[in-house]
Amino acid sequence: MHRFKLPLQFPKSISCSYRALHDKTQLDSAGSLASVLKSRAVVRFRGPDTAKFLQGLLTNDVRKFGEPMDEKTSTLATLNLSSVSERPMYAALLTPQGRFLYDFFLYTPPRPDTKLDRTGSAPGPDPDEGVEVFADVDASVLDELLSTLKKYRLRAKVDIENMAEELKCWQCYAGNVSGKSSSVEEPEAASVGWGAGVDHSGMSSARRNALGWQWFKDPRLDCLGFRGIFPSDTLPPLVEADKETDEQNYRLWRIENGVAEGSTEIPKGEAIPLEYNLVGLNAISFDKGCYVGQELIARTHHRGVIRKRLLPLRFLEENGEEAEQKVAPGSEVIDSATGKKVGTVTTQLGCRGLGVLRLDEAFKGSSTLTIQGQKDTKVEAIKPDWWPAEWLQQHQHQSAVA
């Protein structure tokens, strides 16, 4: 089994060329890869009202970041890092009408009262500044996102800072690393603080990193691997220089697993979150109380059946060969036998893509899906392995009743 090895030296500059890997099989065989995500940026929230502010805006339950640590979550204080850190959280900010705006990966560093002071003799002082939260967000809409957050802030005591220059987002994926479901199966990972958040080896101290940045399991799906934010001038721990690759390979990995990311792949102001599978990606809490756009989400969820969902797509020529660069986002998918519109392509990369399609047409067992105006380009819809069985069962039951 392939394992990461810590390089002896970090390169002075971080750069790489795009090694084009055309499908999931090639990505798996390439072993574990890591990419710096230039499409993402980091924002910091801090102040007494941070948790309350985010709780009233986002789709997930941010209150856990403000809960006191106990013996179940923190068993040993160290100078730079508590023994267990909170896992990151995936969430979204919606319009008041319940349409998607921005996605957030939320991280919180250990609080002062979980670490020893500089003398190593007692817990550090708690300045009562509230919880501090870092958010990994879509860089292409960063200025707009910051403006929106500041409009919602009103009199809340929370500072919102752009940390894009100081911190970078990274993803570790593909190969064996993405299939691990627990640190028990990968003990070496647990020993250096990725996934489980346990830092037995003092890796953060060795890196002279007072904040204790770590790899964490991607909060959406195990198959997506590990995610983290790290100082801009270093490679993260456990990344081999020859395994760092272009972000396009990570994007391909996501597409093949049927996961959209950011305000372009999840169309800003248009996308219905449940059709983009945000419930299955652990982005929505139905127990947290009110937040912006909650009414539509709750109503759609309790109605029970989602007729359209985001799916991985494969584009083919009439002879069965892959159709490279022939389909553009926004193209309509139709059933060529009936001429009926089935859905729309939302994302394209080479011969792969994502699209929101009607489930009754996408999986009816025929191979008649094509692109509107391109009858020679066939579309294959794929059901991701991670999908809950009930998503299709509910739909099939509803179709039978109808």
Protein backbone atom coordinates (compact mmCIF):
# COMPACT_ATOMS: atom_id res chain seq x y z
CA MET A 1 0.00 0.00 0.00
CA HIS A 2 1.31 3.44 -0.93
CA ARG A 3 2.10 5.73 2.01
CA PHE A 4 3.26 9.32 2.10
CA LYS A 5 6.79 9.98 3.33
CA LEU A 6 7.82 13.30 4.77
CA PRO A 7 10.34 14.99 2.45
CA LEU A 8 13.66 15.99 4.02
CA GLN A 9 13.37 19.53 2.69
CA PHE A 10 10.58 21.76 1.53
CA PRO A 11 11.15 23.37 -1.87
CA LYS A 12 11.58 27.15 -1.81
CA SER A 13 8.77 27.56 -4.30
CA ILE A 14 5.73 25.42 -4.87
CA SER A 15 5.01 24.79 -8.53
CA CYS A 16 3.97 21.91 -10.72
CA SER A 17 2.72 21.15 -14.18
CA TYR A 18 -0.62 19.57 -14.98
CA ARG A 19 -0.22 15.84 -15.31
CA ALA A 20 -3.39 15.04 -17.22
CA LEU A 21 -5.06 11.97 -15.75
CA HIS A 22 -8.13 11.22 -17.76
CA ASP A 23 -10.33 9.11 -15.47
CA LYS A 24 -10.81 7.70 -11.98
CA THR A 25 -8.92 4.51 -12.81
CA GLN A 26 -5.82 6.48 -13.80
CA LEU A 27 -6.13 8.65 -10.70
CA ASP A 28 -6.36 5.57 -8.49
CA SER A 29 -3.33 3.95 -10.11
CA ALA A 30 -1.32 7.17 -9.74
CA GLY A 31 -1.32 6.73 -5.97
CA SER A 32 -2.09 9.43 -3.45
CA LEU A 33 -1.90 12.95 -4.87
CA ALA A 34 -1.97 16.40 -3.31
CA SER A 35 -2.95 19.73 -4.86
CA VAL A 36 -2.86 23.30 -3.69
CA LEU A 37 -6.32 24.69 -4.44
CA LYS A 38 -5.79 28.01 -6.16
CA SER A 39 -9.54 28.22 -6.69
CA ARG A 40 -10.02 28.62 -2.93
CA ALA A 41 -9.12 31.36 -0.47
CA VAL A 42 -9.11 31.63 3.34
CA VAL A 43 -11.17 34.01 5.46
CA ARG A 44 -10.86 34.37 9.25
CA PHE A 45 -13.70 35.14 11.65
CA ARG A 46 -12.95 36.11 15.22
CA GLY A 47 -14.63 37.96 18.04
CA PRO A 48 -17.17 37.29 20.81
CA ASP A 49 -20.10 36.93 18.38
CA THR A 50 -18.38 34.69 15.80
CA ALA A 51 -20.34 31.50 16.50
CA LYS A 52 -23.66 33.32 16.83
CA PHE A 53 -23.04 35.25 13.58
CA LEU A 54 -22.21 32.16 11.53
CA GLN A 55 -25.00 30.14 13.14
CA GLY A 56 -27.61 32.57 11.88
CA LEU A 57 -26.24 32.57 8.34
CA LEU A 58 -25.04 29.11 7.37
CA THR A 59 -26.86 25.84 6.69
CA ASN A 60 -24.86 23.74 9.16
CA ASP A 61 -24.77 23.81 12.96
CA VAL A 62 -21.79 25.96 13.94
CA ARG A 63 -22.57 25.77 17.67
CA LYS A 64 -20.25 22.81 18.16
CA PHE A 65 -17.27 25.12 17.57
CA GLY A 66 -18.25 27.07 20.69
CA GLU A 67 -18.85 24.08 22.97
CA PRO A 68 -16.36 23.59 25.83
CA MET A 69 -13.82 20.82 25.39
CA ASP A 70 -14.17 17.92 27.84
CA GLU A 71 -12.37 14.65 28.48
CA LYS A 72 -14.02 13.12 25.43
CA THR A 73 -12.53 15.69 23.06
CA SER A 74 -9.36 16.90 24.78
CA THR A 75 -7.23 14.60 26.87
CA LEU A 76 -3.78 16.16 26.83
CA ALA A 77 -2.76 19.81 26.50
CA THR A 78 0.52 20.56 24.73
CA LEU A 79 2.36 23.79 24.11
CA ASN A 80 1.19 24.22 20.54
CA LEU A 81 -1.73 21.86 20.00
CA SER A 82 -4.46 20.19 22.02
CA SER A 83 -4.59 16.42 21.58
CA VAL A 84 -7.87 16.47 19.65
CA SER A 85 -9.03 19.25 17.34
CA GLU A 86 -12.55 19.87 16.11
CA ARG A 87 -13.22 18.30 12.74
CA PRO A 88 -13.93 20.76 9.91
CA MET A 89 -17.47 21.40 8.75
CA TYR A 90 -18.99 21.95 5.32
CA ALA A 91 -21.78 24.52 5.01
CA ALA A 92 -23.40 26.96 2.60
CA LEU A 93 -24.77 30.49 2.61
CA LEU A 94 -28.07 30.81 0.75
CA THR A 95 -30.25 33.60 -0.58
CA PRO A 96 -33.36 34.44 1.46
CA GLN A 97 -35.25 32.41 -1.18
CA GLY A 98 -33.15 29.32 -0.40
CA ARG A 99 -30.90 29.35 -3.46
CA PHE A 100 -27.19 28.62 -3.18
CA LEU A 101 -24.70 31.49 -2.91
CA TYR A 102 -21.36 30.31 -1.44
CA ASP A 103 -19.89 27.19 0.14
CA PHE A 104 -17.63 27.15 3.19
CA PHE A 105 -15.21 24.66 4.73
CA LEU A 106 -14.97 25.76 8.36
CA TYR A 107 -12.02 25.06 10.68
CA THR A 108 -11.33 26.17 14.22
CA PRO A 109 -7.90 26.06 15.89
CA PRO A 110 -7.50 24.95 19.53
CA ARG A 111 -8.62 27.62 21.99
CA PRO A 112 -6.14 29.12 24.49
CA ASP A 113 -7.63 27.22 27.44
CA THR A 114 -6.88 23.86 25.77
CA LYS A 115 -3.14 24.56 25.50
CA LEU A 116 -0.40 25.09 28.06
CA ASP A 117 1.09 28.53 28.52
CA ARG A 118 4.65 29.34 27.48
CA THR A 119 6.04 28.05 30.77
CA GLY A 120 4.38 24.69 30.18
CA SER A 121 2.86 24.75 33.66
CA ALA A 122 -0.80 25.74 33.24
CA PRO A 123 -3.55 26.33 30.69
CA GLY A 124 -3.12 29.55 28.77
CA PRO A 125 -5.38 32.50 29.59
CA ASP A 126 -8.79 32.68 27.97
CA PRO A 127 -9.23 36.25 26.74
CA ASP A 128 -12.96 35.59 26.26
CA GLU A 129 -12.69 36.57 22.64
CA GLY A 130 -15.08 33.86 21.51
CA VAL A 131 -14.43 31.14 18.99
CA GLU A 132 -12.03 31.73 16.07
CA VAL A 133 -13.05 30.18 12.75
CA PHE A 134 -11.18 29.92 9.43
CA ALA A 135 -13.22 29.41 6.25
CA ASP A 136 -11.98 27.98 2.97
CA VAL A 137 -14.12 29.68 0.29
CA ASP A 138 -14.36 30.18 -3.49
CA ALA A 139 -11.59 32.61 -4.48
CA SER A 140 -13.37 33.73 -7.66
CA VAL A 141 -16.13 35.41 -5.61
CA LEU A 142 -14.03 36.41 -2.60
CA ASP A 143 -14.62 40.18 -2.76
CA GLU A 144 -18.34 39.72 -3.29
CA LEU A 145 -18.53 37.14 -0.48
CA LEU A 146 -16.72 39.46 1.96
CA SER A 147 -19.06 42.31 1.05
CA THR A 148 -22.11 40.07 1.62
CA LEU A 149 -20.85 38.88 5.00
CA LYS A 150 -20.15 42.44 6.15
CA LYS A 151 -23.69 43.49 5.18
CA TYR A 152 -25.08 40.72 7.40
CA ARG A 153 -22.71 41.56 10.26
CA LEU A 154 -24.56 44.72 11.36
CA ARG A 155 -23.58 45.24 15.03
CA ALA A 156 -22.25 41.75 15.66
CA LYS A 157 -18.85 41.74 17.37
CA VAL A 158 -17.00 39.72 14.75
CA ASP A 159 -14.01 40.64 12.59
CA ILE A 160 -13.90 39.24 9.04
CA GLU A 161 -10.42 39.14 7.52
CA ASN A 162 -9.04 38.10 4.14
CA MET A 163 -6.19 35.62 4.80
CA ALA A 164 -5.61 34.63 1.16
CA GLU A 165 -1.98 35.77 1.15
CA GLU A 166 -1.01 34.03 4.41
CA LEU A 167 -2.82 30.70 4.03
CA LYS A 168 -3.50 28.22 1.23
CA CYS A 169 -6.01 25.39 0.86
CA TRP A 170 -4.83 21.87 0.02
CA GLN A 171 -6.48 18.56 -0.88
CA CYS A 172 -4.98 15.08 -0.60
CA TYR A 173 -6.91 12.53 -2.68
CA ALA A 174 -6.95 9.52 -5.04
CA GLY A 175 -5.07 6.27 -4.56
CA ASN A 176 -5.42 4.44 -1.26
CA VAL A 177 -5.71 7.55 0.86
CA SER A 178 -9.29 8.36 -0.15
CA GLY A 179 -10.74 4.99 0.73
CA LYS A 180 -9.83 4.98 4.40
CA SER A 181 -12.86 5.28 6.64
CA SER A 182 -11.11 5.64 9.97
CA SER A 183 -7.76 6.28 11.58
CA VAL A 184 -7.85 2.74 12.94
CA GLU A 185 -7.33 1.50 9.38
CA GLU A 186 -4.48 3.97 8.84
CA PRO A 187 -2.55 4.20 12.14
CA GLU A 188 0.32 6.14 10.61
CA ALA A 189 -2.12 8.87 9.63
CA ALA A 190 -3.44 9.15 13.17
CA SER A 191 0.07 9.51 14.58
CA VAL A 192 0.75 12.72 12.70
CA GLY A 193 -2.58 14.44 13.04
CA TRP A 194 -4.47 13.88 9.83
CA GLY A 195 -8.02 12.56 9.81
CA ALA A 196 -8.53 11.93 13.51
CA GLY A 197 -6.94 15.23 14.52
CA VAL A 198 -4.55 13.57 17.03
CA ASP A 199 -0.98 14.84 17.15
CA HIS A 200 1.02 12.30 19.20
CA SER A 201 4.27 13.06 17.44
CA GLY A 202 4.30 16.83 18.03
CA MET A 203 4.37 17.44 14.29
CA SER A 204 3.08 20.99 14.73
CA SER A 205 5.81 21.89 17.19
CA ALA A 206 8.43 20.46 14.85
CA ARG A 207 7.08 22.77 12.14
CA ARG A 208 7.25 25.78 14.49
CA ASN A 209 3.55 26.26 13.87
CA ALA A 210 1.72 27.73 16.85
CA LEU A 211 -1.70 27.17 15.29
CA GLY A 212 -1.25 23.45 14.68
CA TRP A 213 -2.50 23.17 11.08
CA GLN A 214 -3.49 19.62 10.24
CA TRP A 215 -4.90 17.36 7.54
CA PHE A 216 -8.51 16.42 8.23
CA LYS A 217 -10.87 14.02 6.52
CA ASP A 218 -12.91 15.91 3.96
CA PRO A 219 -16.16 16.66 5.83
CA ARG A 220 -18.25 15.83 2.77
CA LEU A 221 -17.23 12.27 1.84
CA ASP A 222 -14.44 9.83 2.78
CA CYS A 223 -13.79 9.16 -0.92
CA LEU A 224 -12.70 12.78 -1.41
CA GLY A 225 -9.67 12.25 0.82
CA PHE A 226 -8.21 14.86 3.17
CA ARG A 227 -8.37 18.62 3.28
CA GLY A 228 -6.58 21.37 5.18
CA ILE A 229 -5.32 24.94 5.25
CA PHE A 230 -1.60 25.58 5.66
CA PRO A 231 0.86 28.51 5.63
CA SER A 232 1.46 29.74 2.09
CA ASP A 233 5.24 29.31 2.14
CA THR A 234 5.40 25.58 2.98
CA LEU A 235 4.32 22.20 1.73
CA PRO A 236 1.98 20.48 4.18
CA PRO A 237 3.30 17.51 6.18
CA LEU A 238 3.19 14.14 4.39
CA VAL A 239 3.24 15.54 0.83
CA GLU A 240 5.89 14.10 -1.44
CA ALA A 241 7.17 16.61 -3.97
CA ASP A 242 6.60 14.18 -6.85
CA LYS A 243 3.00 13.62 -5.74
CA GLU A 244 2.02 17.27 -5.86
CA THR A 245 -0.05 17.82 -8.96
CA ASP A 246 -2.27 20.40 -10.61
CA GLU A 247 -5.66 21.22 -9.14
CA GLN A 248 -7.34 20.06 -12.34
CA ASN A 249 -6.68 16.47 -11.28
CA TYR A 250 -8.50 17.10 -8.00
CA ARG A 251 -11.33 18.67 -9.97
CA LEU A 252 -11.51 15.57 -12.15
CA TRP A 253 -11.58 13.39 -9.00
CA ARG A 254 -14.52 15.39 -7.67
CA ILE A 255 -16.38 15.30 -10.96
CA GLU A 256 -16.04 11.55 -11.23
CA ASN A 257 -17.44 11.25 -7.70
CA GLY A 258 -20.33 13.56 -8.55
CA VAL A 259 -19.38 16.46 -6.26
CA ALA A 260 -19.58 20.11 -7.29
CA GLU A 261 -17.66 22.84 -5.46
CA GLY A 262 -17.78 26.62 -5.50
CA SER A 263 -20.19 29.23 -6.83
CA THR A 264 -19.62 28.39 -10.51
CA GLU A 265 -20.14 24.63 -10.39
CA ILE A 266 -23.07 25.23 -8.00
CA PRO A 267 -24.62 28.18 -9.85
CA LYS A 268 -24.80 31.20 -7.56
CA GLY A 269 -28.31 32.49 -6.98
CA GLU A 270 -29.86 29.65 -9.00
CA ALA A 271 -29.00 26.22 -7.59
CA ILE A 272 -31.42 24.43 -5.25
CA PRO A 273 -29.10 22.94 -2.60
CA LEU A 274 -30.94 19.62 -2.29
CA GLU A 275 -30.69 19.02 -6.05
CA TYR A 276 -26.92 19.48 -5.71
CA ASN A 277 -26.89 16.78 -3.00
CA LEU A 278 -25.77 19.08 -0.16
CA VAL A 279 -27.65 16.94 2.35
CA GLY A 280 -25.61 13.88 1.35
CA LEU A 281 -22.47 16.03 1.56
CA ASN A 282 -23.14 16.87 5.23
CA ALA A 283 -23.68 20.56 4.53
CA ILE A 284 -27.18 20.95 6.01
CA SER A 285 -28.50 20.55 9.55
CA PHE A 286 -32.25 20.13 10.00
CA ASP A 287 -32.04 20.57 13.78
CA LYS A 288 -30.15 23.85 14.16
CA GLY A 289 -32.97 26.37 14.00
CA CYS A 290 -33.31 29.40 11.74
CA TYR A 291 -30.80 30.56 9.12
CA VAL A 292 -31.01 32.50 5.88
CA GLY A 293 -33.03 30.55 3.29
CA GLN A 294 -34.13 27.81 5.70
CA GLU A 295 -37.82 27.82 4.72
CA LEU A 296 -37.34 26.46 1.18
CA ILE A 297 -34.79 23.89 2.35
CA ALA A 298 -37.10 22.55 5.07
CA ARG A 299 -40.13 22.49 2.78
CA THR A 300 -38.28 20.69 -0.04
CA HIS A 301 -36.73 18.19 2.39
CA HIS A 302 -40.00 17.28 4.09
CA ARG A 303 -41.78 16.92 0.76
CA GLY A 304 -39.61 13.85 0.44
CA VAL A 305 -38.76 13.38 -3.25
CA ILE A 306 -36.05 15.16 -5.21
CA ARG A 307 -36.86 14.60 -8.88
CA LYS A 308 -33.60 16.06 -10.23
CA ARG A 309 -30.09 15.60 -8.88
CA LEU A 310 -26.52 16.44 -9.81
CA LEU A 311 -24.86 13.46 -11.54
CA PRO A 312 -21.45 12.61 -13.01
CA LEU A 313 -21.61 12.53 -16.80
CA ARG A 314 -19.46 10.94 -19.48
CA PHE A 315 -19.51 12.26 -23.05
CA LEU A 316 -19.07 9.76 -25.91
CA GLU A 317 -18.84 9.74 -29.69
CA GLU A 318 -21.25 7.59 -31.67
CA ASN A 319 -18.54 4.93 -31.96
CA GLY A 320 -18.17 4.76 -28.18
CA GLU A 321 -14.92 6.70 -27.93
CA GLU A 322 -14.66 9.53 -25.44
CA ALA A 323 -15.74 12.94 -26.77
CA GLU A 324 -13.06 15.39 -25.66
CA GLN A 325 -13.90 19.09 -25.34
CA LYS A 326 -17.14 18.80 -27.32
CA VAL A 327 -19.62 19.80 -24.61
CA ALA A 328 -19.91 23.18 -22.92
CA PRO A 329 -21.49 24.01 -19.55
CA GLY A 330 -25.08 25.06 -20.10
CA SER A 331 -25.69 22.48 -22.84
CA GLU A 332 -29.05 20.76 -22.64
CA VAL A 333 -29.26 16.98 -22.28
CA ILE A 334 -32.19 15.46 -24.18
CA ASP A 335 -33.69 12.05 -24.79
CA SER A 336 -33.13 11.67 -28.52
CA ALA A 337 -35.96 9.14 -28.78
CA THR A 338 -38.59 11.57 -27.51
CA GLY A 339 -36.92 14.97 -27.86
CA LYS A 340 -37.70 15.60 -24.19
CA LYS A 341 -35.30 17.69 -22.13
CA VAL A 342 -33.72 15.62 -19.35
CA GLY A 343 -31.43 18.20 -17.74
CA THR A 344 -28.49 20.56 -18.13
CA VAL A 345 -24.72 20.16 -18.10
CA THR A 346 -23.32 22.36 -15.32
CA THR A 347 -19.59 21.50 -15.43
CA GLN A 348 -17.24 20.08 -18.08
CA LEU A 349 -13.66 18.84 -17.97
CA GLY A 350 -12.44 16.94 -21.02
CA CYS A 351 -14.88 14.12 -21.68
CA ARG A 352 -16.33 14.27 -18.15
CA GLY A 353 -18.85 16.56 -16.58
CA LEU A 354 -21.59 17.16 -14.06
CA GLY A 355 -25.23 17.80 -14.81
CA VAL A 356 -28.57 18.19 -13.06
CA LEU A 357 -30.80 15.53 -14.65
CA ARG A 358 -34.24 14.09 -14.03
CA LEU A 359 -33.68 10.74 -12.36
CA ASP A 360 -36.57 9.01 -14.17
CA GLU A 361 -34.90 9.76 -17.51
CA ALA A 362 -31.24 9.47 -16.51
CA PHE A 363 -31.51 5.88 -15.25
CA LYS A 364 -34.33 4.40 -17.29
CA GLY A 365 -32.00 1.86 -18.88
CA SER A 366 -31.73 3.21 -22.42
CA SER A 367 -28.74 4.87 -24.06
CA THR A 368 -30.63 7.65 -25.83
CA LEU A 369 -29.29 10.67 -23.96
CA THR A 370 -27.58 13.20 -26.23
CA ILE A 371 -26.61 16.87 -26.28
CA GLN A 372 -29.15 19.25 -27.83
CA GLY A 373 -27.92 20.14 -31.32
CA GLN A 374 -25.16 17.49 -31.17
CA LYS A 375 -26.87 14.19 -31.97
CA ASP A 376 -23.50 12.50 -32.42
CA THR A 377 -22.52 13.23 -28.79
CA LYS A 378 -23.96 10.69 -26.39
CA VAL A 379 -24.30 11.28 -22.66
CA GLU A 380 -23.83 8.57 -20.06
CA ALA A 381 -25.21 9.32 -16.58
CA ILE A 382 -23.44 7.57 -13.70
CA LYS A 383 -24.77 6.87 -10.19
CA PRO A 384 -22.02 7.65 -7.64
CA ASP A 385 -21.07 4.84 -5.27
CA TRP A 386 -21.64 7.03 -2.22
CA TRP A 387 -25.29 7.79 -2.97
CA PRO A 388 -27.75 6.53 -0.32
CA ALA A 389 -29.93 3.75 -1.77
CA GLU A 390 -33.09 5.57 -0.70
CA TRP A 391 -32.48 8.42 -3.12
CA LEU A 392 -33.38 6.18 -6.05
CA GLN A 393 -35.86 4.05 -4.09
CA GLN A 394 -37.90 7.12 -3.10
CA HIS A 395 -37.92 8.30 -6.68
CA GLN A 396 -38.94 4.86 -8.04
CA HIS A 397 -41.74 4.62 -5.49
CA GLN A 398 -43.04 8.07 -6.42
CA SER A 399 -42.91 7.20 -10.14
CA ALA A 400 -44.86 3.98 -9.51
CA VAL A 401 -47.53 5.86 -7.55
CA ALA A 402 -47.82 8.45 -10.31
